[in-house]
Amino acid sequence: CLGAWMTDMTTGGFTAHLDPNRMINANADRVRIRHHFYEQVFLEDFVVGLTAAIAAAEERAHPHTPPPYLPGGSHRAEPERPLTVTRFFQRMGAFVDNSMIVVSDTGDVMFGSSGLHREEPESYFAQDYYLSIGYSLPAALGLGLAGNKRPVVFIGDGALQMTAQELSSLCRYSVNAIVFVLNNSGYVTERVIHDGPYNEIQPWAYHRLPEALGCPAGLLARTEGELEAALEAAGRRLREPVLVEVVVGRMDASATLTKVGEQ
């Protein structure tokens, strides 16, 4: 177990039953083997040593067949069809290419975007801890300044409301990120687990937010046809950030999130 926090999210709502007698648990600066603790063993050093040990071992000692990694393939838009989370990420699978770097926020956007085909290493960044919602927008600023690939951001409306002001920094420093805001009027990740009025948020006109911050105008997509028009516009606007508000249903969610909620 490498660097994991045993939270509700990583243990299935604390339903995991992991036998400590069969675990090697390595965190930032400590390794635990059964009931023995080894202090000041840093995670990076441990992973380097473990990788070297695996490479030196006989292949039959650790057989592993990775699943095939398939590209996103084609997608045919139905112009009048209302957007859904599933169809949106199917379209993204055909849209995102090696000139882009993907940055995903916490929530259903992470479940959807983690299925995107990425050929290159270090081309997908995500943060899946609940207390970090809003991570992706400032992360895109750093990635955009540090590299030469166009950041593609997937963020929920609730997460955006945590760090929306960083859109202003993207504009100031001409980081040409494409920011897809999935607007389902609140916290759908919580709704599928336990719904209540605390999952509602103040509705914003997300596609108009860039103008309020002195940025180039945002775009609104409610249908697959409008999404196609937004993608074409983003493809022409290569030197500036582009925000696309993607409107989906209040309870619309990826198949993975729906399954998590049922469990």
C-alpha atoms as a PDB file:
ATOM      1  CA  CYS A   1       0.000   0.000   0.000  1.00  0.00           C
ATOM      2  CA  LEU A   2       1.852   3.066  -1.311  1.00  0.00           C
ATOM      3  CA  GLY A   3       1.001   6.517  -0.028  1.00  0.00           C
ATOM      4  CA  ALA A   4      -2.731   5.912   0.448  1.00  0.00           C
ATOM      5  CA  TRP A   5      -4.812   7.626   3.095  1.00  0.00           C
ATOM      6  CA  MET A   6      -7.334   5.286   4.691  1.00  0.00           C
ATOM      7  CA  THR A   7     -10.299   7.606   4.278  1.00  0.00           C
ATOM      8  CA  ASP A   8     -13.943   6.855   3.547  1.00  0.00           C
ATOM      9  CA  MET A   9     -13.290   7.302  -0.183  1.00  0.00           C
ATOM     10  CA  THR A  10     -10.313   4.928  -0.369  1.00  0.00           C
ATOM     11  CA  THR A  11     -11.903   2.227   1.799  1.00  0.00           C
ATOM     12  CA  GLY A  12     -15.397   2.180   0.321  1.00  0.00           C
ATOM     13  CA  GLY A  13     -16.977   4.026   3.214  1.00  0.00           C
ATOM     14  CA  PHE A  14     -14.797   2.146   5.723  1.00  0.00           C
ATOM     15  CA  THR A  15     -16.085  -1.220   4.522  1.00  0.00           C
ATOM     16  CA  ALA A  16     -12.651  -2.521   3.464  1.00  0.00           C
ATOM     17  CA  HIS A  17     -11.230  -5.269   5.650  1.00  0.00           C
ATOM     18  CA  LEU A  18      -7.465  -5.199   5.093  1.00  0.00           C
ATOM     19  CA  ASP A  19      -5.517  -7.671   7.183  1.00  0.00           C
ATOM     20  CA  PRO A  20      -2.502  -5.794   8.654  1.00  0.00           C
ATOM     21  CA  ASN A  21      -0.616  -9.108   8.825  1.00  0.00           C
ATOM     22  CA  ARG A  22      -0.590  -9.175   5.023  1.00  0.00           C
ATOM     23  CA  MET A  23       0.233  -5.530   4.376  1.00  0.00           C
ATOM     24  CA  ILE A  24       3.301  -3.399   3.757  1.00  0.00           C
ATOM     25  CA  ASN A  25       2.114   0.172   4.257  1.00  0.00           C
ATOM     26  CA  ALA A  26       4.443   2.931   3.021  1.00  0.00           C
ATOM     27  CA  ASN A  27       3.566   6.580   3.609  1.00  0.00           C
ATOM     28  CA  ALA A  28       5.452   9.870   3.405  1.00  0.00           C
ATOM     29  CA  ASP A  29       8.210   9.069   5.910  1.00  0.00           C
ATOM     30  CA  ARG A  30       7.338   5.729   7.522  1.00  0.00           C
ATOM     31  CA  VAL A  31       6.970   2.099   6.484  1.00  0.00           C
ATOM     32  CA  ARG A  32       4.868  -0.357   8.449  1.00  0.00           C
ATOM     33  CA  ILE A  33       5.284  -4.116   7.952  1.00  0.00           C
ATOM     34  CA  ARG A  34       2.712  -5.990   9.999  1.00  0.00           C
ATOM     35  CA  HIS A  35       3.236  -4.596  13.510  1.00  0.00           C
ATOM     36  CA  HIS A  36       6.736  -3.222  12.921  1.00  0.00           C
ATOM     37  CA  PHE A  37       7.288   0.483  12.202  1.00  0.00           C
ATOM     38  CA  TYR A  38      10.348   1.847  10.372  1.00  0.00           C
ATOM     39  CA  GLU A  39      10.714   5.590  10.791  1.00  0.00           C
ATOM     40  CA  GLN A  40      12.365   8.040   8.356  1.00  0.00           C
ATOM     41  CA  VAL A  41      11.963   5.741   5.369  1.00  0.00           C
ATOM     42  CA  PHE A  42      10.770   8.145   2.702  1.00  0.00           C
ATOM     43  CA  LEU A  43       8.168   7.083   0.174  1.00  0.00           C
ATOM     44  CA  GLU A  44      10.231   8.038  -2.873  1.00  0.00           C
ATOM     45  CA  ASP A  45      13.217   6.017  -1.642  1.00  0.00           C
ATOM     46  CA  PHE A  46      10.984   3.068  -0.823  1.00  0.00           C
ATOM     47  CA  VAL A  47       9.378   3.082  -4.276  1.00  0.00           C
ATOM     48  CA  VAL A  48      12.784   3.291  -5.993  1.00  0.00           C
ATOM     49  CA  GLY A  49      14.044   0.343  -3.970  1.00  0.00           C
ATOM     50  CA  LEU A  50      10.879  -1.658  -4.517  1.00  0.00           C
ATOM     51  CA  THR A  51      10.973  -1.044  -8.275  1.00  0.00           C
ATOM     52  CA  ALA A  52      14.579  -2.205  -8.455  1.00  0.00           C
ATOM     53  CA  ALA A  53      13.750  -5.336  -6.470  1.00  0.00           C
ATOM     54  CA  ILE A  54      10.838  -6.192  -8.760  1.00  0.00           C
ATOM     55  CA  ALA A  55      12.984  -5.653 -11.854  1.00  0.00           C
ATOM     56  CA  ALA A  56      15.636  -7.997 -10.452  1.00  0.00           C
ATOM     57  CA  ALA A  57      13.162 -10.750  -9.552  1.00  0.00           C
ATOM     58  CA  GLU A  58      12.221 -13.531 -11.905  1.00  0.00           C
ATOM     59  CA  GLU A  59       9.249 -12.721 -14.113  1.00  0.00           C
ATOM     60  CA  ARG A  60       7.236 -15.695 -12.888  1.00  0.00           C
ATOM     61  CA  ALA A  61       7.498 -14.332  -9.338  1.00  0.00           C
ATOM     62  CA  HIS A  62       5.173 -11.448 -10.165  1.00  0.00           C
ATOM     63  CA  PRO A  63       3.088 -12.235 -13.268  1.00  0.00           C
ATOM     64  CA  HIS A  64       0.903  -9.404 -14.461  1.00  0.00           C
ATOM     65  CA  THR A  65      -1.046  -8.899 -17.644  1.00  0.00           C
ATOM     66  CA  PRO A  66      -2.178  -5.298 -18.024  1.00  0.00           C
ATOM     67  CA  PRO A  67      -5.541  -4.706 -19.702  1.00  0.00           C
ATOM     68  CA  PRO A  68      -5.419  -3.392 -23.249  1.00  0.00           C
ATOM     69  CA  TYR A  69      -5.247   0.398 -23.414  1.00  0.00           C
ATOM     70  CA  LEU A  70      -7.511   1.448 -26.249  1.00  0.00           C
ATOM     71  CA  PRO A  71      -7.731   4.903 -27.842  1.00  0.00           C
ATOM     72  CA  GLY A  72     -10.946   6.853 -27.594  1.00  0.00           C
ATOM     73  CA  GLY A  73     -12.055   6.122 -31.139  1.00  0.00           C
ATOM     74  CA  SER A  74     -14.673   8.058 -33.038  1.00  0.00           C
ATOM     75  CA  HIS A  75     -17.790   9.812 -31.825  1.00  0.00           C
ATOM     76  CA  ARG A  76     -20.762  10.953 -33.860  1.00  0.00           C
ATOM     77  CA  ALA A  77     -22.603  13.907 -32.383  1.00  0.00           C
ATOM     78  CA  GLU A  78     -26.389  14.143 -32.446  1.00  0.00           C
ATOM     79  CA  PRO A  79     -26.854  17.938 -32.668  1.00  0.00           C
ATOM     80  CA  GLU A  80     -30.234  18.224 -30.908  1.00  0.00           C
ATOM     81  CA  ARG A  81     -29.495  15.679 -28.200  1.00  0.00           C
ATOM     82  CA  PRO A  82     -29.133  17.119 -24.661  1.00  0.00           C
ATOM     83  CA  LEU A  83     -25.696  16.563 -23.198  1.00  0.00           C
ATOM     84  CA  THR A  84     -25.071  13.792 -20.689  1.00  0.00           C
ATOM     85  CA  VAL A  85     -21.969  13.002 -18.654  1.00  0.00           C
ATOM     86  CA  THR A  86     -21.423   9.695 -20.444  1.00  0.00           C
ATOM     87  CA  ARG A  87     -21.772  11.145 -23.943  1.00  0.00           C
ATOM     88  CA  PHE A  88     -19.642  14.160 -23.014  1.00  0.00           C
ATOM     89  CA  PHE A  89     -16.670  12.025 -21.990  1.00  0.00           C
ATOM     90  CA  GLN A  90     -17.117   9.803 -25.030  1.00  0.00           C
ATOM     91  CA  ARG A  91     -16.684  12.955 -27.094  1.00  0.00           C
ATOM     92  CA  MET A  92     -13.677  13.992 -25.031  1.00  0.00           C
ATOM     93  CA  GLY A  93     -12.062  10.638 -25.787  1.00  0.00           C
ATOM     94  CA  ALA A  94     -12.014  11.615 -29.449  1.00  0.00           C
ATOM     95  CA  PHE A  95     -11.112  15.259 -28.749  1.00  0.00           C
ATOM     96  CA  VAL A  96      -8.117  15.106 -26.394  1.00  0.00           C
ATOM     97  CA  ASP A  97      -4.822  14.453 -28.186  1.00  0.00           C
ATOM     98  CA  ASN A  98      -1.090  14.512 -27.469  1.00  0.00           C
ATOM     99  CA  SER A  99      -0.904  18.292 -27.777  1.00  0.00           C
ATOM    100  CA  MET A 100      -2.952  18.507 -24.574  1.00  0.00           C
ATOM    101  CA  ILE A 101      -2.487  17.693 -20.913  1.00  0.00           C
ATOM    102  CA  VAL A 102      -5.536  16.657 -18.884  1.00  0.00           C
ATOM    103  CA  VAL A 103      -6.251  18.090 -15.426  1.00  0.00           C
ATOM    104  CA  SER A 104      -9.215  16.625 -13.543  1.00  0.00           C
ATOM    105  CA  ASP A 105     -10.849  17.816 -10.370  1.00  0.00           C
ATOM    106  CA  THR A 106     -12.400  15.707  -7.627  1.00  0.00           C
ATOM    107  CA  GLY A 107     -15.839  14.218  -8.192  1.00  0.00           C
ATOM    108  CA  ASP A 108     -17.627  12.753 -11.178  1.00  0.00           C
ATOM    109  CA  VAL A 109     -15.297  14.511 -13.625  1.00  0.00           C
ATOM    110  CA  MET A 110     -12.533  12.285 -12.257  1.00  0.00           C
ATOM    111  CA  PHE A 111     -14.588   9.127 -12.805  1.00  0.00           C
ATOM    112  CA  GLY A 112     -15.324  10.255 -16.344  1.00  0.00           C
ATOM    113  CA  SER A 113     -11.897  11.554 -17.313  1.00  0.00           C
ATOM    114  CA  SER A 114      -9.917   8.622 -15.895  1.00  0.00           C
ATOM    115  CA  GLY A 115     -11.169   6.556 -18.827  1.00  0.00           C
ATOM    116  CA  LEU A 116      -9.607   8.860 -21.418  1.00  0.00           C
ATOM    117  CA  HIS A 117      -6.867   7.340 -23.569  1.00  0.00           C
ATOM    118  CA  ARG A 118      -3.509   8.968 -22.868  1.00  0.00           C
ATOM    119  CA  GLU A 119      -0.537   7.718 -24.849  1.00  0.00           C
ATOM    120  CA  GLU A 120       2.163   9.742 -23.110  1.00  0.00           C
ATOM    121  CA  PRO A 121       3.345   9.582 -19.496  1.00  0.00           C
ATOM    122  CA  GLU A 122       2.668  12.552 -17.227  1.00  0.00           C
ATOM    123  CA  SER A 123      -0.258  13.665 -19.367  1.00  0.00           C
ATOM    124  CA  TYR A 124      -3.058  13.227 -16.807  1.00  0.00           C
ATOM    125  CA  PHE A 125      -3.215  14.974 -13.426  1.00  0.00           C
ATOM    126  CA  ALA A 126      -5.986  14.523 -10.862  1.00  0.00           C
ATOM    127  CA  GLN A 127      -6.658  14.955  -7.168  1.00  0.00           C
ATOM    128  CA  ASP A 128      -9.323  12.666  -5.751  1.00  0.00           C
ATOM    129  CA  TYR A 129      -9.548  13.710  -2.102  1.00  0.00           C
ATOM    130  CA  TYR A 130     -12.785  15.404  -1.082  1.00  0.00           C
ATOM    131  CA  LEU A 131     -11.082  18.233   0.787  1.00  0.00           C
ATOM    132  CA  SER A 132      -9.242  19.328  -2.361  1.00  0.00           C
ATOM    133  CA  ILE A 133     -12.139  20.273  -4.640  1.00  0.00           C
ATOM    134  CA  GLY A 134     -11.159  23.170  -6.851  1.00  0.00           C
ATOM    135  CA  TYR A 135      -7.629  21.783  -7.336  1.00  0.00           C
ATOM    136  CA  SER A 136      -7.730  21.578 -11.114  1.00  0.00           C
ATOM    137  CA  LEU A 137      -8.021  25.269 -12.010  1.00  0.00           C
ATOM    138  CA  PRO A 138      -4.899  26.487 -10.177  1.00  0.00           C
ATOM    139  CA  ALA A 139      -3.135  23.250 -11.177  1.00  0.00           C
ATOM    140  CA  ALA A 140      -3.793  24.117 -14.823  1.00  0.00           C
ATOM    141  CA  LEU A 141      -2.107  27.475 -14.254  1.00  0.00           C
ATOM    142  CA  GLY A 142       1.042  25.749 -13.019  1.00  0.00           C
ATOM    143  CA  LEU A 143       1.034  23.152 -15.781  1.00  0.00           C
ATOM    144  CA  GLY A 144       0.391  25.782 -18.428  1.00  0.00           C
ATOM    145  CA  LEU A 145       3.305  27.922 -17.260  1.00  0.00           C
ATOM    146  CA  ALA A 146       5.669  24.976 -16.834  1.00  0.00           C
ATOM    147  CA  GLY A 147       5.074  23.122 -20.092  1.00  0.00           C
ATOM    148  CA  ASN A 148       4.222  23.517 -23.743  1.00  0.00           C
ATOM    149  CA  LYS A 149       1.006  21.482 -23.861  1.00  0.00           C
ATOM    150  CA  ARG A 150      -2.476  22.925 -23.702  1.00  0.00           C
ATOM    151  CA  PRO A 151      -4.199  22.147 -20.384  1.00  0.00           C
ATOM    152  CA  VAL A 152      -7.671  20.642 -20.667  1.00  0.00           C
ATOM    153  CA  VAL A 153      -9.507  21.029 -17.364  1.00  0.00           C
ATOM    154  CA  PHE A 154     -12.520  19.030 -16.180  1.00  0.00           C
ATOM    155  CA  ILE A 155     -14.170  20.579 -13.135  1.00  0.00           C
ATOM    156  CA  GLY A 156     -17.606  20.466 -11.544  1.00  0.00           C
ATOM    157  CA  ASP A 157     -19.639  23.555 -10.783  1.00  0.00           C
ATOM    158  CA  GLY A 158     -19.273  23.075  -7.033  1.00  0.00           C
ATOM    159  CA  ALA A 159     -15.514  22.707  -7.310  1.00  0.00           C
ATOM    160  CA  LEU A 160     -15.191  25.767  -9.542  1.00  0.00           C
ATOM    161  CA  GLN A 161     -16.900  27.918  -6.925  1.00  0.00           C
ATOM    162  CA  MET A 162     -14.000  27.151  -4.573  1.00  0.00           C
ATOM    163  CA  THR A 163     -11.214  28.549  -6.778  1.00  0.00           C
ATOM    164  CA  ALA A 164     -12.953  30.458  -9.582  1.00  0.00           C
ATOM    165  CA  GLN A 165     -10.695  33.495  -9.163  1.00  0.00           C
ATOM    166  CA  GLU A 166      -7.759  31.542 -10.644  1.00  0.00           C
ATOM    167  CA  LEU A 167      -9.475  31.934 -13.999  1.00  0.00           C
ATOM    168  CA  SER A 168      -8.302  35.532 -13.760  1.00  0.00           C
ATOM    169  CA  SER A 169      -4.697  34.343 -13.393  1.00  0.00           C
ATOM    170  CA  LEU A 170      -5.062  32.087 -16.441  1.00  0.00           C
ATOM    171  CA  CYS A 171      -6.090  35.151 -18.423  1.00  0.00           C
ATOM    172  CA  ARG A 172      -3.404  37.422 -16.999  1.00  0.00           C
ATOM    173  CA  TYR A 173      -0.627  35.007 -17.936  1.00  0.00           C
ATOM    174  CA  SER A 174      -2.227  33.919 -21.245  1.00  0.00           C
ATOM    175  CA  VAL A 175      -2.417  30.238 -20.303  1.00  0.00           C
ATOM    176  CA  ASN A 176      -4.517  28.739 -23.083  1.00  0.00           C
ATOM    177  CA  ALA A 177      -6.376  26.202 -20.968  1.00  0.00           C
ATOM    178  CA  ILE A 178      -9.736  24.813 -22.083  1.00  0.00           C
ATOM    179  CA  VAL A 179     -11.861  24.662 -18.930  1.00  0.00           C
ATOM    180  CA  PHE A 180     -14.919  22.408 -19.119  1.00  0.00           C
ATOM    181  CA  VAL A 181     -17.296  23.165 -16.246  1.00  0.00           C
ATOM    182  CA  LEU A 182     -19.852  20.389 -15.757  1.00  0.00           C
ATOM    183  CA  ASN A 183     -22.905  22.183 -14.438  1.00  0.00           C
ATOM    184  CA  ASN A 184     -25.320  19.823 -12.704  1.00  0.00           C
ATOM    185  CA  SER A 185     -26.524  22.452 -10.226  1.00  0.00           C
ATOM    186  CA  GLY A 186     -24.666  21.126  -7.211  1.00  0.00           C
ATOM    187  CA  TYR A 187     -22.790  18.184  -5.736  1.00  0.00           C
ATOM    188  CA  VAL A 188     -23.902  15.133  -7.711  1.00  0.00           C
ATOM    189  CA  THR A 189     -21.209  12.967  -6.073  1.00  0.00           C
ATOM    190  CA  GLU A 190     -22.978  13.547  -2.763  1.00  0.00           C
ATOM    191  CA  ARG A 191     -26.462  13.266  -4.226  1.00  0.00           C
ATOM    192  CA  VAL A 192     -25.970   9.697  -5.399  1.00  0.00           C
ATOM    193  CA  ILE A 193     -24.727   8.748  -1.908  1.00  0.00           C
ATOM    194  CA  HIS A 194     -27.080  10.739   0.321  1.00  0.00           C
ATOM    195  CA  ASP A 195     -29.128  13.589  -1.094  1.00  0.00           C
ATOM    196  CA  GLY A 196     -30.272  16.636   0.796  1.00  0.00           C
ATOM    197  CA  PRO A 197     -30.532  20.436   0.613  1.00  0.00           C
ATOM    198  CA  TYR A 198     -26.843  20.737   1.542  1.00  0.00           C
ATOM    199  CA  ASN A 199     -25.970  19.471  -1.945  1.00  0.00           C
ATOM    200  CA  GLU A 200     -27.464  22.553  -3.604  1.00  0.00           C
ATOM    201  CA  ILE A 201     -25.321  25.571  -4.479  1.00  0.00           C
ATOM    202  CA  GLN A 202     -25.918  29.105  -5.691  1.00  0.00           C
ATOM    203  CA  PRO A 203     -26.443  28.916  -9.469  1.00  0.00           C
ATOM    204  CA  TRP A 204     -23.889  30.906 -11.447  1.00  0.00           C
ATOM    205  CA  ALA A 205     -23.861  31.858 -15.111  1.00  0.00           C
ATOM    206  CA  TYR A 206     -20.528  30.082 -15.502  1.00  0.00           C
ATOM    207  CA  HIS A 207     -20.045  30.919 -19.163  1.00  0.00           C
ATOM    208  CA  ARG A 208     -20.354  34.629 -18.315  1.00  0.00           C
ATOM    209  CA  LEU A 209     -17.832  34.505 -15.478  1.00  0.00           C
ATOM    210  CA  PRO A 210     -14.794  35.093 -17.755  1.00  0.00           C
ATOM    211  CA  GLU A 211     -16.185  38.441 -18.911  1.00  0.00           C
ATOM    212  CA  ALA A 212     -16.686  39.552 -15.296  1.00  0.00           C
ATOM    213  CA  LEU A 213     -12.997  38.808 -14.714  1.00  0.00           C
ATOM    214  CA  GLY A 214     -11.872  40.682 -17.808  1.00  0.00           C
ATOM    215  CA  CYS A 215     -11.230  37.484 -19.771  1.00  0.00           C
ATOM    216  CA  PRO A 216     -12.319  36.400 -23.262  1.00  0.00           C
ATOM    217  CA  ALA A 217     -15.981  35.359 -23.417  1.00  0.00           C
ATOM    218  CA  GLY A 218     -16.984  31.888 -22.284  1.00  0.00           C
ATOM    219  CA  LEU A 219     -19.160  29.410 -24.159  1.00  0.00           C
ATOM    220  CA  LEU A 220     -22.362  27.556 -23.257  1.00  0.00           C
ATOM    221  CA  ALA A 221     -23.208  24.001 -24.356  1.00  0.00           C
ATOM    222  CA  ARG A 222     -26.518  22.342 -23.551  1.00  0.00           C
ATOM    223  CA  THR A 223     -26.700  20.038 -26.566  1.00  0.00           C
ATOM    224  CA  GLU A 224     -24.196  17.942 -28.478  1.00  0.00           C
ATOM    225  CA  GLY A 225     -24.427  20.370 -31.371  1.00  0.00           C
ATOM    226  CA  GLU A 226     -23.547  23.309 -29.127  1.00  0.00           C
ATOM    227  CA  LEU A 227     -20.629  21.327 -27.718  1.00  0.00           C
ATOM    228  CA  GLU A 228     -19.295  20.765 -31.243  1.00  0.00           C
ATOM    229  CA  ALA A 229     -19.492  24.503 -31.919  1.00  0.00           C
ATOM    230  CA  ALA A 230     -17.662  25.195 -28.636  1.00  0.00           C
ATOM    231  CA  LEU A 231     -14.883  22.739 -29.503  1.00  0.00           C
ATOM    232  CA  GLU A 232     -14.411  24.384 -32.892  1.00  0.00           C
ATOM    233  CA  ALA A 233     -14.201  27.812 -31.246  1.00  0.00           C
ATOM    234  CA  ALA A 234     -11.696  26.552 -28.671  1.00  0.00           C
ATOM    235  CA  GLY A 235      -9.587  25.166 -31.506  1.00  0.00           C
ATOM    236  CA  ARG A 236      -9.356  28.642 -33.035  1.00  0.00           C
ATOM    237  CA  ARG A 237      -8.584  30.417 -29.771  1.00  0.00           C
ATOM    238  CA  LEU A 238      -5.098  29.027 -29.284  1.00  0.00           C
ATOM    239  CA  ARG A 239      -3.531  31.854 -27.277  1.00  0.00           C
ATOM    240  CA  GLU A 240      -6.102  32.377 -24.542  1.00  0.00           C
ATOM    241  CA  PRO A 241      -8.086  30.409 -21.960  1.00  0.00           C
ATOM    242  CA  VAL A 242     -11.522  29.194 -23.014  1.00  0.00           C
ATOM    243  CA  LEU A 243     -14.240  28.294 -20.508  1.00  0.00           C
ATOM    244  CA  VAL A 244     -17.032  25.999 -21.708  1.00  0.00           C
ATOM    245  CA  GLU A 245     -20.069  25.548 -19.465  1.00  0.00           C
ATOM    246  CA  VAL A 246     -21.446  22.037 -20.064  1.00  0.00           C
ATOM    247  CA  VAL A 247     -24.997  21.729 -18.749  1.00  0.00           C
ATOM    248  CA  VAL A 248     -26.196  18.241 -17.740  1.00  0.00           C
ATOM    249  CA  GLY A 249     -29.090  16.926 -15.676  1.00  0.00           C
ATOM    250  CA  ARG A 250     -29.274  17.405 -11.916  1.00  0.00           C
ATOM    251  CA  MET A 251     -28.859  13.661 -11.212  1.00  0.00           C
ATOM    252  CA  ASP A 252     -26.922  12.751 -14.345  1.00  0.00           C
ATOM    253  CA  ALA A 253     -23.739  10.886 -13.456  1.00  0.00           C
ATOM    254  CA  SER A 254     -21.192   8.518 -14.935  1.00  0.00           C
ATOM    255  CA  ALA A 255     -21.796   4.789 -14.660  1.00  0.00           C
ATOM    256  CA  THR A 256     -18.875   4.531 -12.234  1.00  0.00           C
ATOM    257  CA  LEU A 257     -20.210   7.172  -9.847  1.00  0.00           C
ATOM    258  CA  THR A 258     -23.681   5.629  -9.983  1.00  0.00           C
ATOM    259  CA  LYS A 259     -22.180   2.286  -8.990  1.00  0.00           C
ATOM    260  CA  VAL A 260     -20.209   3.895  -6.153  1.00  0.00           C
ATOM    261  CA  GLY A 261     -23.391   5.496  -4.858  1.00  0.00           C
ATOM    262  CA  GLU A 262     -25.261   2.194  -4.925  1.00  0.00           C
ATOM    263  CA  GLN A 263     -22.475   0.453  -3.058  1.00  0.00           C
END
